[in-house]
Amino acid sequence: LRCILDPNTATCIDTEGI
């Protein structure tokens, strides 16, 4: 899956399907 680091939550969030 693909994930990006969310600067707001400081966590890696999944962007699959977006």
PDB file of N, CA and C in Angstrom:
ATOM      1  N   LEU A   1       0.827  -1.215   0.000  1.00  0.00           N
ATOM      2  CA  LEU A   1       0.000   0.000   0.000  1.00  0.00           C
ATOM      3  C   LEU A   1       0.853   1.253   0.000  1.00  0.00           C
ATOM      4  N   ARG A   2       0.208   2.357  -0.273  1.00  0.00           N
ATOM      5  CA  ARG A   2       0.941   3.618  -0.289  1.00  0.00           C
ATOM      6  C   ARG A   2       0.546   4.421   0.929  1.00  0.00           C
ATOM      7  N   CYS A   3       1.519   5.030   1.565  1.00  0.00           N
ATOM      8  CA  CYS A   3       1.212   5.836   2.727  1.00  0.00           C
ATOM      9  C   CYS A   3       2.047   7.101   2.723  1.00  0.00           C
ATOM     10  N   ILE A   4       1.514   8.116   3.341  1.00  0.00           N
ATOM     11  CA  ILE A   4       2.224   9.389   3.427  1.00  0.00           C
ATOM     12  C   ILE A   4       2.269   9.854   4.863  1.00  0.00           C
ATOM     13  N   LEU A   5       3.280  10.649   5.166  1.00  0.00           N
ATOM     14  CA  LEU A   5       3.373  11.168   6.519  1.00  0.00           C
ATOM     15  C   LEU A   5       2.496  12.398   6.647  1.00  0.00           C
ATOM     16  N   ASP A   6       1.539  12.319   7.537  1.00  0.00           N
ATOM     17  CA  ASP A   6       0.620  13.415   7.767  1.00  0.00           C
ATOM     18  C   ASP A   6       1.227  14.381   8.776  1.00  0.00           C
ATOM     19  N   PRO A   7       1.557  15.605   8.352  1.00  0.00           N
ATOM     20  CA  PRO A   7       2.191  16.582   9.227  1.00  0.00           C
ATOM     21  C   PRO A   7       1.299  17.027  10.380  1.00  0.00           C
ATOM     22  N   ASN A   8       0.011  16.833  10.226  1.00  0.00           N
ATOM     23  CA  ASN A   8      -0.927  17.241  11.267  1.00  0.00           C
ATOM     24  C   ASN A   8      -0.964  16.254  12.424  1.00  0.00           C
ATOM     25  N   THR A   9      -0.856  14.963  12.076  1.00  0.00           N
ATOM     26  CA  THR A   9      -0.939  13.943  13.105  1.00  0.00           C
ATOM     27  C   THR A   9       0.421  13.304  13.392  1.00  0.00           C
ATOM     28  N   ALA A  10       1.397  13.630  12.547  1.00  0.00           N
ATOM     29  CA  ALA A  10       2.744  13.086  12.672  1.00  0.00           C
ATOM     30  C   ALA A  10       2.742  11.568  12.567  1.00  0.00           C
ATOM     31  N   THR A  11       1.822  11.058  11.744  1.00  0.00           N
ATOM     32  CA  THR A  11       1.752   9.618  11.551  1.00  0.00           C
ATOM     33  C   THR A  11       1.648   9.290  10.073  1.00  0.00           C
ATOM     34  N   CYS A  12       1.965   8.050   9.733  1.00  0.00           N
ATOM     35  CA  CYS A  12       1.880   7.606   8.358  1.00  0.00           C
ATOM     36  C   CYS A  12       0.455   7.145   8.082  1.00  0.00           C
ATOM     37  N   ILE A  13      -0.194   7.812   7.114  1.00  0.00           N
ATOM     38  CA  ILE A  13      -1.567   7.453   6.802  1.00  0.00           C
ATOM     39  C   ILE A  13      -1.676   6.842   5.418  1.00  0.00           C
ATOM     40  N   ASP A  14      -2.546   5.873   5.284  1.00  0.00           N
ATOM     41  CA  ASP A  14      -2.749   5.178   4.036  1.00  0.00           C
ATOM     42  C   ASP A  14      -3.521   6.057   3.063  1.00  0.00           C
ATOM     43  N   THR A  15      -3.018   6.130   1.831  1.00  0.00           N
ATOM     44  CA  THR A  15      -3.669   6.968   0.820  1.00  0.00           C
ATOM     45  C   THR A  15      -4.240   6.114  -0.297  1.00  0.00           C
ATOM     46  N   GLU A  16      -4.239   4.820  -0.087  1.00  0.00           N
ATOM     47  CA  GLU A  16      -4.757   3.898  -1.085  1.00  0.00           C
ATOM     48  C   GLU A  16      -6.252   4.119  -1.268  1.00  0.00           C
ATOM     49  N   GLY A  17      -6.651   4.344  -2.490  1.00  0.00           N
ATOM     50  CA  GLY A  17      -8.064   4.527  -2.767  1.00  0.00           C
ATOM     51  C   GLY A  17      -8.483   5.990  -2.781  1.00  0.00           C
ATOM     52  N   ILE A  18      -7.561   6.872  -2.445  1.00  0.00           N
ATOM     53  CA  ILE A  18      -7.875   8.295  -2.454  1.00  0.00           C
ATOM     54  C   ILE A  18      -7.562   8.857  -3.835  1.00  0.00           C
TER      55      ILE A  18
END
